[in-house]
Amino acid sequence: MQQAAAGNQDAFARIFETYRQRLYTYLLGITKAAEVAEDILVDVFMKLWIGREMLPRIESLEGFLHKVAYNKAMDFFKTTARHARLQQVYAQRLSDQAERSLEDWLIDEECRRILQNAINQLPPQRKLIYTLSREQGLTYEEIAQALHLSRNTVKSTIMAATRSISEYLQKNYPGNAALSCLLLLV
């Protein structure tokens, strides 16, 4: 953990390989969806890599990882619960999970590409703050501290970025395509 904390990628890869399968199984048990479990798993390890300097202070890494994974899963469910349409799509994805075709996987990849295009159209500061929050999992406080901004500035910037992305998707990809890509914002 000392080596990983110092930025050694091989040491971090060993940590990842040690805990990956157990954490994935745990997340799969909570979410009941392989795709969601995989996404949260990646988020957990991204957060760990970003905050790797705290690794030596963690007494039980497995316990820590499970707690972060649990919190991220609950965040996913809270977000999904706020959006009735997302609930319907999530339920449909659960029922269709076993029947996913190559076409479904390609559509997901296309949505990720479209979403990245939407993110890339953001002004640089807004894109940076959005990326730190959504892709790297930093909290508003962590972003504010890192960029020397107020928490409210970070919050309003993320809200503006999400609104811009949503408008971009609705304008350029009307109908269900935009909704599918909006799911990736969750």
N, C-alpha and C. Protein backbone atom coordinates (compact mmCIF):
# COMPACT_ATOMS: atom_id res chain seq x y z
N MET A 1 0.82 -1.19 0.00
CA MET A 1 0.00 0.00 0.00
C MET A 1 0.87 1.25 0.00
N GLN A 2 2.03 1.16 0.63
CA GLN A 2 2.96 2.30 0.63
C GLN A 2 3.40 2.62 -0.80
N GLN A 3 3.71 1.57 -1.57
CA GLN A 3 4.16 1.78 -2.95
C GLN A 3 3.04 2.38 -3.80
N ALA A 4 1.83 1.86 -3.64
CA ALA A 4 0.69 2.40 -4.39
C ALA A 4 0.45 3.86 -4.00
N ALA A 5 0.59 4.16 -2.71
CA ALA A 5 0.41 5.53 -2.24
C ALA A 5 1.43 6.47 -2.87
N ALA A 6 2.61 5.95 -3.16
CA ALA A 6 3.66 6.75 -3.78
C ALA A 6 3.48 6.87 -5.29
N GLY A 7 2.43 6.23 -5.83
CA GLY A 7 2.16 6.34 -7.27
C GLY A 7 2.61 5.16 -8.09
N ASN A 8 3.06 4.09 -7.45
CA ASN A 8 3.51 2.90 -8.18
C ASN A 8 2.29 2.19 -8.77
N GLN A 9 2.17 2.23 -10.09
CA GLN A 9 1.00 1.67 -10.77
C GLN A 9 0.95 0.15 -10.66
N ASP A 10 2.10 -0.49 -10.66
CA ASP A 10 2.12 -1.96 -10.52
C ASP A 10 1.59 -2.38 -9.15
N ALA A 11 1.97 -1.65 -8.12
CA ALA A 11 1.48 -1.95 -6.77
C ALA A 11 -0.02 -1.73 -6.70
N PHE A 12 -0.49 -0.67 -7.34
CA PHE A 12 -1.92 -0.41 -7.34
C PHE A 12 -2.65 -1.51 -8.13
N ALA A 13 -2.06 -1.95 -9.23
CA ALA A 13 -2.67 -3.03 -10.02
C ALA A 13 -2.79 -4.30 -9.18
N ARG A 14 -1.82 -4.57 -8.32
CA ARG A 14 -1.89 -5.75 -7.44
C ARG A 14 -3.05 -5.61 -6.45
N ILE A 15 -3.23 -4.41 -5.93
CA ILE A 15 -4.36 -4.16 -5.02
C ILE A 15 -5.67 -4.39 -5.78
N PHE A 16 -5.74 -3.85 -6.97
CA PHE A 16 -6.94 -4.01 -7.80
C PHE A 16 -7.24 -5.49 -8.03
N GLU A 17 -6.24 -6.24 -8.43
CA GLU A 17 -6.44 -7.66 -8.71
C GLU A 17 -6.80 -8.45 -7.45
N THR A 18 -6.29 -8.04 -6.32
CA THR A 18 -6.58 -8.73 -5.06
C THR A 18 -8.04 -8.58 -4.67
N TYR A 19 -8.60 -7.39 -4.84
CA TYR A 19 -9.94 -7.09 -4.34
C TYR A 19 -11.02 -7.03 -5.41
N ARG A 20 -10.65 -7.00 -6.66
CA ARG A 20 -11.60 -6.79 -7.76
C ARG A 20 -12.76 -7.77 -7.74
N GLN A 21 -12.49 -9.05 -7.75
CA GLN A 21 -13.55 -10.05 -7.87
C GLN A 21 -14.48 -10.05 -6.65
N ARG A 22 -13.91 -9.97 -5.45
CA ARG A 22 -14.75 -9.95 -4.25
C ARG A 22 -15.65 -8.71 -4.22
N LEU A 23 -15.10 -7.58 -4.59
CA LEU A 23 -15.87 -6.34 -4.59
C LEU A 23 -16.95 -6.38 -5.68
N TYR A 24 -16.61 -6.93 -6.84
CA TYR A 24 -17.59 -7.06 -7.92
C TYR A 24 -18.75 -7.96 -7.48
N THR A 25 -18.45 -9.08 -6.87
CA THR A 25 -19.48 -10.00 -6.38
C THR A 25 -20.37 -9.31 -5.35
N TYR A 26 -19.76 -8.55 -4.47
CA TYR A 26 -20.51 -7.79 -3.47
C TYR A 26 -21.46 -6.80 -4.15
N LEU A 27 -20.94 -6.04 -5.11
CA LEU A 27 -21.75 -5.05 -5.81
C LEU A 27 -22.85 -5.70 -6.64
N LEU A 28 -22.56 -6.82 -7.24
CA LEU A 28 -23.56 -7.54 -8.02
C LEU A 28 -24.70 -7.98 -7.12
N GLY A 29 -24.36 -8.40 -5.91
CA GLY A 29 -25.39 -8.78 -4.95
C GLY A 29 -26.28 -7.61 -4.56
N ILE A 30 -25.72 -6.41 -4.51
CA ILE A 30 -26.50 -5.23 -4.14
C ILE A 30 -27.33 -4.73 -5.32
N THR A 31 -26.69 -4.60 -6.48
CA THR A 31 -27.34 -3.95 -7.63
C THR A 31 -28.14 -4.90 -8.49
N LYS A 32 -27.77 -6.17 -8.49
CA LYS A 32 -28.45 -7.19 -9.32
C LYS A 32 -28.27 -6.92 -10.81
N ALA A 33 -27.29 -6.12 -11.17
CA ALA A 33 -27.04 -5.80 -12.58
C ALA A 33 -25.54 -5.75 -12.82
N ALA A 34 -25.06 -6.61 -13.69
CA ALA A 34 -23.62 -6.71 -13.95
C ALA A 34 -23.04 -5.38 -14.44
N GLU A 35 -23.75 -4.72 -15.34
CA GLU A 35 -23.25 -3.47 -15.90
C GLU A 35 -23.10 -2.40 -14.82
N VAL A 36 -24.08 -2.29 -13.95
CA VAL A 36 -24.04 -1.30 -12.88
C VAL A 36 -22.91 -1.65 -11.90
N ALA A 37 -22.80 -2.93 -11.55
CA ALA A 37 -21.74 -3.37 -10.64
C ALA A 37 -20.37 -3.04 -11.21
N GLU A 38 -20.18 -3.27 -12.50
CA GLU A 38 -18.89 -2.98 -13.14
C GLU A 38 -18.59 -1.49 -13.10
N ASP A 39 -19.60 -0.67 -13.41
CA ASP A 39 -19.40 0.78 -13.40
C ASP A 39 -19.02 1.28 -12.01
N ILE A 40 -19.71 0.78 -10.99
CA ILE A 40 -19.42 1.21 -9.63
C ILE A 40 -18.03 0.72 -9.22
N LEU A 41 -17.69 -0.50 -9.61
CA LEU A 41 -16.36 -1.05 -9.30
C LEU A 41 -15.27 -0.13 -9.85
N VAL A 42 -15.42 0.30 -11.09
CA VAL A 42 -14.43 1.20 -11.69
C VAL A 42 -14.39 2.52 -10.92
N ASP A 43 -15.57 3.05 -10.56
CA ASP A 43 -15.62 4.29 -9.79
C ASP A 43 -14.88 4.16 -8.46
N VAL A 44 -15.07 3.04 -7.77
CA VAL A 44 -14.44 2.81 -6.47
C VAL A 44 -12.92 2.85 -6.62
N PHE A 45 -12.40 2.13 -7.60
CA PHE A 45 -10.94 2.08 -7.75
C PHE A 45 -10.38 3.38 -8.31
N MET A 46 -11.17 4.12 -9.10
CA MET A 46 -10.72 5.45 -9.54
C MET A 46 -10.59 6.38 -8.34
N LYS A 47 -11.58 6.32 -7.45
CA LYS A 47 -11.55 7.15 -6.25
C LYS A 47 -10.35 6.77 -5.38
N LEU A 48 -10.07 5.46 -5.29
CA LEU A 48 -8.93 5.00 -4.50
C LEU A 48 -7.62 5.50 -5.12
N TRP A 49 -7.51 5.45 -6.44
CA TRP A 49 -6.28 5.91 -7.09
C TRP A 49 -6.09 7.41 -6.89
N ILE A 50 -7.17 8.16 -7.02
CA ILE A 50 -7.08 9.61 -6.85
C ILE A 50 -6.67 9.97 -5.43
N GLY A 51 -7.17 9.22 -4.46
CA GLY A 51 -6.83 9.50 -3.06
C GLY A 51 -5.81 8.53 -2.51
N ARG A 52 -4.94 8.03 -3.36
CA ARG A 52 -4.00 6.97 -2.98
C ARG A 52 -3.05 7.35 -1.84
N GLU A 53 -2.83 8.66 -1.65
CA GLU A 53 -1.91 9.07 -0.58
C GLU A 53 -2.45 8.69 0.80
N MET A 54 -3.75 8.40 0.90
CA MET A 54 -4.31 8.01 2.20
C MET A 54 -4.24 6.49 2.43
N LEU A 55 -3.78 5.73 1.45
CA LEU A 55 -3.71 4.27 1.58
C LEU A 55 -3.00 3.79 2.84
N PRO A 56 -1.86 4.35 3.20
CA PRO A 56 -1.17 3.84 4.40
C PRO A 56 -1.96 4.03 5.70
N ARG A 57 -2.92 4.95 5.70
CA ARG A 57 -3.69 5.21 6.92
C ARG A 57 -4.93 4.31 7.04
N ILE A 58 -5.21 3.53 6.01
CA ILE A 58 -6.40 2.66 6.03
C ILE A 58 -6.03 1.36 6.74
N GLU A 59 -6.76 1.06 7.81
CA GLU A 59 -6.46 -0.15 8.58
C GLU A 59 -6.95 -1.40 7.88
N SER A 60 -8.17 -1.37 7.35
CA SER A 60 -8.74 -2.53 6.65
C SER A 60 -9.15 -2.08 5.25
N LEU A 61 -8.31 -2.37 4.28
CA LEU A 61 -8.58 -1.94 2.92
C LEU A 61 -9.85 -2.59 2.38
N GLU A 62 -10.04 -3.86 2.68
CA GLU A 62 -11.25 -4.54 2.20
C GLU A 62 -12.50 -3.89 2.79
N GLY A 63 -12.48 -3.60 4.07
CA GLY A 63 -13.62 -2.94 4.70
C GLY A 63 -13.86 -1.56 4.11
N PHE A 64 -12.78 -0.83 3.88
CA PHE A 64 -12.87 0.49 3.28
C PHE A 64 -13.49 0.41 1.89
N LEU A 65 -13.00 -0.52 1.06
CA LEU A 65 -13.52 -0.67 -0.30
C LEU A 65 -15.00 -1.04 -0.30
N HIS A 66 -15.38 -1.93 0.61
CA HIS A 66 -16.79 -2.32 0.70
C HIS A 66 -17.66 -1.13 1.10
N LYS A 67 -17.18 -0.30 2.00
CA LYS A 67 -17.95 0.87 2.44
C LYS A 67 -18.12 1.87 1.30
N VAL A 68 -17.04 2.13 0.57
CA VAL A 68 -17.11 3.06 -0.56
C VAL A 68 -18.05 2.49 -1.62
N ALA A 69 -17.93 1.18 -1.90
CA ALA A 69 -18.79 0.54 -2.90
C ALA A 69 -20.25 0.62 -2.48
N TYR A 70 -20.52 0.35 -1.22
CA TYR A 70 -21.89 0.42 -0.72
C TYR A 70 -22.45 1.84 -0.88
N ASN A 71 -21.66 2.84 -0.51
CA ASN A 71 -22.11 4.23 -0.63
C ASN A 71 -22.38 4.61 -2.08
N LYS A 72 -21.51 4.17 -3.00
CA LYS A 72 -21.70 4.48 -4.40
C LYS A 72 -22.95 3.77 -4.94
N ALA A 73 -23.20 2.54 -4.50
CA ALA A 73 -24.40 1.82 -4.92
C ALA A 73 -25.65 2.53 -4.41
N MET A 74 -25.60 3.00 -3.17
CA MET A 74 -26.75 3.72 -2.62
C MET A 74 -26.97 5.04 -3.36
N ASP A 75 -25.87 5.71 -3.73
CA ASP A 75 -26.00 6.93 -4.52
C ASP A 75 -26.67 6.64 -5.85
N PHE A 76 -26.30 5.52 -6.47
CA PHE A 76 -26.93 5.13 -7.73
C PHE A 76 -28.43 4.93 -7.54
N PHE A 77 -28.82 4.21 -6.49
CA PHE A 77 -30.23 3.96 -6.24
C PHE A 77 -30.99 5.25 -5.92
N LYS A 78 -30.36 6.16 -5.17
CA LYS A 78 -31.02 7.43 -4.86
C LYS A 78 -31.27 8.23 -6.14
N THR A 79 -30.27 8.27 -7.00
CA THR A 79 -30.42 9.00 -8.26
C THR A 79 -31.50 8.36 -9.11
N THR A 80 -31.48 7.05 -9.19
CA THR A 80 -32.48 6.34 -9.97
C THR A 80 -33.88 6.56 -9.40
N ALA A 81 -33.99 6.57 -8.09
CA ALA A 81 -35.30 6.77 -7.45
C ALA A 81 -35.87 8.15 -7.75
N ARG A 82 -35.00 9.12 -7.98
CA ARG A 82 -35.47 10.48 -8.26
C ARG A 82 -36.05 10.60 -9.67
N HIS A 83 -35.76 9.66 -10.49
CA HIS A 83 -36.18 9.76 -11.88
C HIS A 83 -37.03 8.54 -12.24
N ALA A 84 -38.32 8.74 -12.31
CA ALA A 84 -39.24 7.62 -12.59
C ALA A 84 -38.88 6.92 -13.89
N ARG A 85 -38.53 7.68 -14.90
CA ARG A 85 -38.20 7.07 -16.19
C ARG A 85 -36.93 6.23 -16.05
N LEU A 86 -35.96 6.69 -15.29
CA LEU A 86 -34.75 5.91 -15.07
C LEU A 86 -35.08 4.60 -14.36
N GLN A 87 -36.05 4.64 -13.45
CA GLN A 87 -36.47 3.41 -12.77
C GLN A 87 -36.98 2.39 -13.78
N GLN A 88 -37.80 2.86 -14.71
CA GLN A 88 -38.34 1.95 -15.71
C GLN A 88 -37.23 1.36 -16.57
N VAL A 89 -36.31 2.21 -16.99
CA VAL A 89 -35.22 1.73 -17.83
C VAL A 89 -34.33 0.77 -17.06
N TYR A 90 -34.05 1.09 -15.79
CA TYR A 90 -33.23 0.20 -14.96
C TYR A 90 -33.90 -1.15 -14.79
N ALA A 91 -35.19 -1.16 -14.52
CA ALA A 91 -35.93 -2.42 -14.38
C ALA A 91 -35.89 -3.21 -15.68
N GLN A 92 -36.04 -2.52 -16.79
CA GLN A 92 -35.98 -3.19 -18.09
C GLN A 92 -34.59 -3.78 -18.34
N ARG A 93 -33.57 -3.02 -17.98
CA ARG A 93 -32.20 -3.53 -18.16
C ARG A 93 -31.95 -4.77 -17.31
N LEU A 94 -32.49 -4.77 -16.09
CA LEU A 94 -32.34 -5.95 -15.25
C LEU A 94 -32.98 -7.17 -15.89
N SER A 95 -34.17 -6.99 -16.43
CA SER A 95 -34.85 -8.13 -17.03
C SER A 95 -34.20 -8.57 -18.34
N ASP A 96 -33.59 -7.62 -19.03
CA ASP A 96 -32.97 -7.95 -20.32
C ASP A 96 -31.50 -8.34 -20.20
N GLN A 97 -30.94 -8.24 -19.00
CA GLN A 97 -29.49 -8.44 -18.82
C GLN A 97 -29.02 -9.76 -19.44
N ALA A 98 -29.76 -10.83 -19.21
CA ALA A 98 -29.34 -12.13 -19.72
C ALA A 98 -29.48 -12.21 -21.24
N GLU A 99 -30.29 -11.34 -21.81
CA GLU A 99 -30.57 -11.40 -23.25
C GLU A 99 -29.83 -10.33 -24.04
N ARG A 100 -28.87 -9.69 -23.43
CA ARG A 100 -28.16 -8.62 -24.13
C ARG A 100 -27.46 -9.16 -25.36
N SER A 101 -27.63 -8.46 -26.44
CA SER A 101 -27.03 -8.87 -27.70
C SER A 101 -25.81 -7.98 -27.99
N LEU A 102 -25.09 -8.36 -29.01
CA LEU A 102 -23.96 -7.55 -29.46
C LEU A 102 -24.45 -6.15 -29.83
N GLU A 103 -25.64 -6.08 -30.41
CA GLU A 103 -26.21 -4.79 -30.78
C GLU A 103 -26.40 -3.89 -29.56
N ASP A 104 -26.87 -4.47 -28.45
CA ASP A 104 -27.05 -3.70 -27.22
C ASP A 104 -25.72 -3.14 -26.73
N TRP A 105 -24.68 -3.98 -26.75
CA TRP A 105 -23.37 -3.51 -26.30
C TRP A 105 -22.86 -2.39 -27.20
N LEU A 106 -23.08 -2.51 -28.51
CA LEU A 106 -22.65 -1.48 -29.43
C LEU A 106 -23.40 -0.17 -29.19
N ILE A 107 -24.69 -0.28 -28.89
CA ILE A 107 -25.49 0.91 -28.58
C ILE A 107 -24.94 1.60 -27.34
N ASP A 108 -24.61 0.81 -26.31
CA ASP A 108 -24.02 1.39 -25.10
C ASP A 108 -22.72 2.11 -25.41
N GLU A 109 -21.89 1.50 -26.23
CA GLU A 109 -20.62 2.13 -26.60
C GLU A 109 -20.87 3.41 -27.38
N GLU A 110 -21.86 3.38 -28.28
CA GLU A 110 -22.20 4.57 -29.05
C GLU A 110 -22.70 5.67 -28.11
N CYS A 111 -23.49 5.31 -27.11
CA CYS A 111 -23.97 6.30 -26.14
C CYS A 111 -22.81 6.91 -25.37
N ARG A 112 -21.85 6.09 -25.01
CA ARG A 112 -20.67 6.62 -24.30
C ARG A 112 -19.92 7.62 -25.20
N ARG A 113 -19.82 7.29 -26.48
CA ARG A 113 -19.15 8.18 -27.42
C ARG A 113 -19.93 9.50 -27.56
N ILE A 114 -21.25 9.38 -27.69
CA ILE A 114 -22.10 10.56 -27.81
C ILE A 114 -21.99 11.42 -26.55
N LEU A 115 -22.03 10.77 -25.40
CA LEU A 115 -21.92 11.49 -24.13
C LEU A 115 -20.57 12.19 -24.03
N GLN A 116 -19.52 11.53 -24.46
CA GLN A 116 -18.20 12.17 -24.43
C GLN A 116 -18.17 13.39 -25.35
N ASN A 117 -18.82 13.30 -26.51
CA ASN A 117 -18.93 14.47 -27.39
C ASN A 117 -19.63 15.62 -26.68
N ALA A 118 -20.69 15.30 -25.95
CA ALA A 118 -21.43 16.33 -25.22
C ALA A 118 -20.55 16.97 -24.15
N ILE A 119 -19.78 16.15 -23.46
CA ILE A 119 -18.87 16.66 -22.42
C ILE A 119 -17.78 17.52 -23.04
N ASN A 120 -17.28 17.08 -24.20
CA ASN A 120 -16.21 17.83 -24.86
C ASN A 120 -16.63 19.21 -25.34
N GLN A 121 -17.93 19.43 -25.52
CA GLN A 121 -18.39 20.74 -25.98
C GLN A 121 -18.49 21.76 -24.84
N LEU A 122 -18.31 21.31 -23.61
CA LEU A 122 -18.37 22.21 -22.47
C LEU A 122 -17.16 23.15 -22.45
N PRO A 123 -17.33 24.36 -21.91
CA PRO A 123 -16.17 25.24 -21.73
C PRO A 123 -15.13 24.54 -20.83
N PRO A 124 -13.85 24.85 -20.99
CA PRO A 124 -12.78 24.12 -20.28
C PRO A 124 -12.97 24.00 -18.76
N GLN A 125 -13.27 25.09 -18.07
CA GLN A 125 -13.41 25.04 -16.61
C GLN A 125 -14.60 24.16 -16.22
N ARG A 126 -15.71 24.31 -16.93
CA ARG A 126 -16.90 23.52 -16.64
C ARG A 126 -16.64 22.04 -16.90
N LYS A 127 -15.93 21.77 -17.99
CA LYS A 127 -15.59 20.38 -18.33
C LYS A 127 -14.69 19.78 -17.25
N LEU A 128 -13.70 20.53 -16.79
CA LEU A 128 -12.80 20.04 -15.75
C LEU A 128 -13.56 19.70 -14.48
N ILE A 129 -14.40 20.61 -14.03
CA ILE A 129 -15.15 20.39 -12.80
C ILE A 129 -16.10 19.21 -12.95
N TYR A 130 -16.78 19.13 -14.08
CA TYR A 130 -17.70 18.02 -14.34
C TYR A 130 -16.94 16.69 -14.34
N THR A 131 -15.81 16.65 -15.01
CA THR A 131 -15.01 15.43 -15.10
C THR A 131 -14.50 15.00 -13.73
N LEU A 132 -14.03 15.94 -12.95
CA LEU A 132 -13.55 15.61 -11.60
C LEU A 132 -14.67 15.01 -10.76
N SER A 133 -15.88 15.53 -10.93
CA SER A 133 -17.02 15.02 -10.15
C SER A 133 -17.52 13.69 -10.68
N ARG A 134 -17.87 13.64 -11.95
CA ARG A 134 -18.57 12.47 -12.49
C ARG A 134 -17.65 11.33 -12.89
N GLU A 135 -16.49 11.64 -13.40
CA GLU A 135 -15.61 10.57 -13.87
C GLU A 135 -14.59 10.16 -12.82
N GLN A 136 -14.19 11.10 -11.96
CA GLN A 136 -13.19 10.76 -10.96
C GLN A 136 -13.79 10.61 -9.57
N GLY A 137 -15.07 10.97 -9.43
CA GLY A 137 -15.77 10.73 -8.18
C GLY A 137 -15.42 11.65 -7.03
N LEU A 138 -14.83 12.79 -7.32
CA LEU A 138 -14.49 13.72 -6.24
C LEU A 138 -15.75 14.41 -5.73
N THR A 139 -15.77 14.73 -4.46
CA THR A 139 -16.89 15.47 -3.88
C THR A 139 -16.76 16.94 -4.23
N TYR A 140 -17.85 17.69 -4.00
CA TYR A 140 -17.81 19.13 -4.24
C TYR A 140 -16.70 19.77 -3.42
N GLU A 141 -16.57 19.34 -2.17
CA GLU A 141 -15.55 19.91 -1.29
C GLU A 141 -14.14 19.63 -1.82
N GLU A 142 -13.91 18.40 -2.27
CA GLU A 142 -12.59 18.05 -2.79
C GLU A 142 -12.25 18.86 -4.03
N ILE A 143 -13.23 19.04 -4.91
CA ILE A 143 -13.00 19.83 -6.12
C ILE A 143 -12.75 21.29 -5.75
N ALA A 144 -13.58 21.82 -4.86
CA ALA A 144 -13.44 23.21 -4.45
C ALA A 144 -12.05 23.45 -3.87
N GLN A 145 -11.59 22.54 -3.03
CA GLN A 145 -10.28 22.68 -2.41
C GLN A 145 -9.18 22.59 -3.46
N ALA A 146 -9.29 21.62 -4.36
CA ALA A 146 -8.24 21.43 -5.38
C ALA A 146 -8.14 22.61 -6.34
N LEU A 147 -9.28 23.21 -6.68
CA LEU A 147 -9.29 24.29 -7.66
C LEU A 147 -9.40 25.68 -7.03
N HIS A 148 -9.38 25.73 -5.69
CA HIS A 148 -9.47 27.00 -4.96
C HIS A 148 -10.75 27.77 -5.33
N LEU A 149 -11.87 27.04 -5.27
CA LEU A 149 -13.19 27.61 -5.55
C LEU A 149 -14.09 27.37 -4.34
N SER A 150 -15.23 28.03 -4.33
CA SER A 150 -16.20 27.76 -3.27
C SER A 150 -16.99 26.50 -3.63
N ARG A 151 -17.53 25.86 -2.62
CA ARG A 151 -18.36 24.66 -2.83
C ARG A 151 -19.57 25.01 -3.69
N ASN A 152 -20.17 26.18 -3.45
CA ASN A 152 -21.34 26.59 -4.23
C ASN A 152 -21.01 26.81 -5.70
N THR A 153 -19.81 27.34 -5.97
CA THR A 153 -19.39 27.51 -7.36
C THR A 153 -19.27 26.16 -8.05
N VAL A 154 -18.69 25.19 -7.35
CA VAL A 154 -18.55 23.85 -7.90
C VAL A 154 -19.93 23.24 -8.16
N LYS A 155 -20.80 23.35 -7.18
CA LYS A 155 -22.15 22.78 -7.31
C LYS A 155 -22.89 23.41 -8.49
N SER A 156 -22.88 24.72 -8.59
CA SER A 156 -23.61 25.38 -9.68
C SER A 156 -22.98 25.07 -11.03
N THR A 157 -21.66 24.91 -11.07
CA THR A 157 -20.98 24.58 -12.32
C THR A 157 -21.36 23.17 -12.77
N ILE A 158 -21.44 22.23 -11.85
CA ILE A 158 -21.83 20.86 -12.22
C ILE A 158 -23.28 20.83 -12.68
N MET A 159 -24.13 21.59 -12.01
CA MET A 159 -25.53 21.66 -12.45
C MET A 159 -25.63 22.26 -13.85
N ALA A 160 -24.87 23.30 -14.11
CA ALA A 160 -24.87 23.93 -15.44
C ALA A 160 -24.31 22.97 -16.49
N ALA A 161 -23.27 22.24 -16.13
CA ALA A 161 -22.68 21.27 -17.07
C ALA A 161 -23.69 20.17 -17.41
N THR A 162 -24.36 19.66 -16.40
CA THR A 162 -25.36 18.60 -16.62
C THR A 162 -26.49 19.12 -17.50
N ARG A 163 -26.92 20.34 -17.25
CA ARG A 163 -27.97 20.95 -18.06
C ARG A 163 -27.49 21.12 -19.51
N SER A 164 -26.26 21.58 -19.70
CA SER A 164 -25.71 21.76 -21.05
C SER A 164 -25.62 20.43 -21.78
N ILE A 165 -25.17 19.40 -21.08
CA ILE A 165 -25.05 18.08 -21.69
C ILE A 165 -26.43 17.56 -22.09
N SER A 166 -27.39 17.71 -21.20
CA SER A 166 -28.76 17.27 -21.48
C SER A 166 -29.33 18.00 -22.69
N GLU A 167 -29.13 19.31 -22.74
CA GLU A 167 -29.62 20.10 -23.88
C GLU A 167 -28.93 19.68 -25.18
N TYR A 168 -27.63 19.44 -25.10
CA TYR A 168 -26.88 18.98 -26.27
C TYR A 168 -27.44 17.66 -26.79
N LEU A 169 -27.67 16.73 -25.86
CA LEU A 169 -28.19 15.41 -26.26
C LEU A 169 -29.58 15.52 -26.86
N GLN A 170 -30.44 16.32 -26.23
CA GLN A 170 -31.80 16.46 -26.74
C GLN A 170 -31.84 17.15 -28.10
N LYS A 171 -30.94 18.10 -28.29
CA LYS A 171 -30.89 18.83 -29.56
C LYS A 171 -30.32 17.95 -30.69
N ASN A 172 -29.24 17.25 -30.39
CA ASN A 172 -28.54 16.50 -31.43
C ASN A 172 -28.99 15.05 -31.57
N TYR A 173 -29.64 14.51 -30.55
CA TYR A 173 -30.07 13.10 -30.56
C TYR A 173 -31.46 13.01 -29.94
N PRO A 174 -32.48 13.50 -30.65
CA PRO A 174 -33.82 13.53 -30.06
C PRO A 174 -34.38 12.12 -29.80
N GLY A 175 -35.32 12.06 -28.87
CA GLY A 175 -36.03 10.81 -28.61
C GLY A 175 -35.31 9.89 -27.66
N ASN A 176 -35.47 8.59 -27.88
CA ASN A 176 -34.93 7.58 -26.98
C ASN A 176 -33.41 7.54 -26.95
N ALA A 177 -32.77 7.95 -28.03
CA ALA A 177 -31.30 7.95 -28.04
C ALA A 177 -30.77 8.88 -26.96
N ALA A 178 -31.38 10.05 -26.83
CA ALA A 178 -30.94 10.99 -25.79
C ALA A 178 -31.19 10.42 -24.41
N LEU A 179 -32.35 9.77 -24.21
CA LEU A 179 -32.66 9.19 -22.89
C LEU A 179 -31.65 8.10 -22.54
N SER A 180 -31.32 7.26 -23.50
CA SER A 180 -30.34 6.19 -23.23
C SER A 180 -28.99 6.78 -22.83
N CYS A 181 -28.59 7.82 -23.52
CA CYS A 181 -27.30 8.45 -23.20
C CYS A 181 -27.37 9.20 -21.87
N LEU A 182 -28.52 9.76 -21.55
CA LEU A 182 -28.68 10.43 -20.25
C LEU A 182 -28.52 9.46 -19.10
N LEU A 183 -28.85 8.19 -19.32
CA LEU A 183 -28.66 7.18 -18.28
C LEU A 183 -27.20 7.09 -17.85
N LEU A 184 -26.32 7.34 -18.78
CA LEU A 184 -24.89 7.25 -18.47
C LEU A 184 -24.44 8.41 -17.59
N LEU A 185 -25.26 9.46 -17.47
CA LEU A 185 -24.94 10.57 -16.59
C LEU A 185 -25.11 10.19 -15.14
N VAL A 186 -25.90 9.16 -14.88
CA VAL A 186 -26.22 8.76 -13.50
C VAL A 186 -24.98 8.23 -12.81
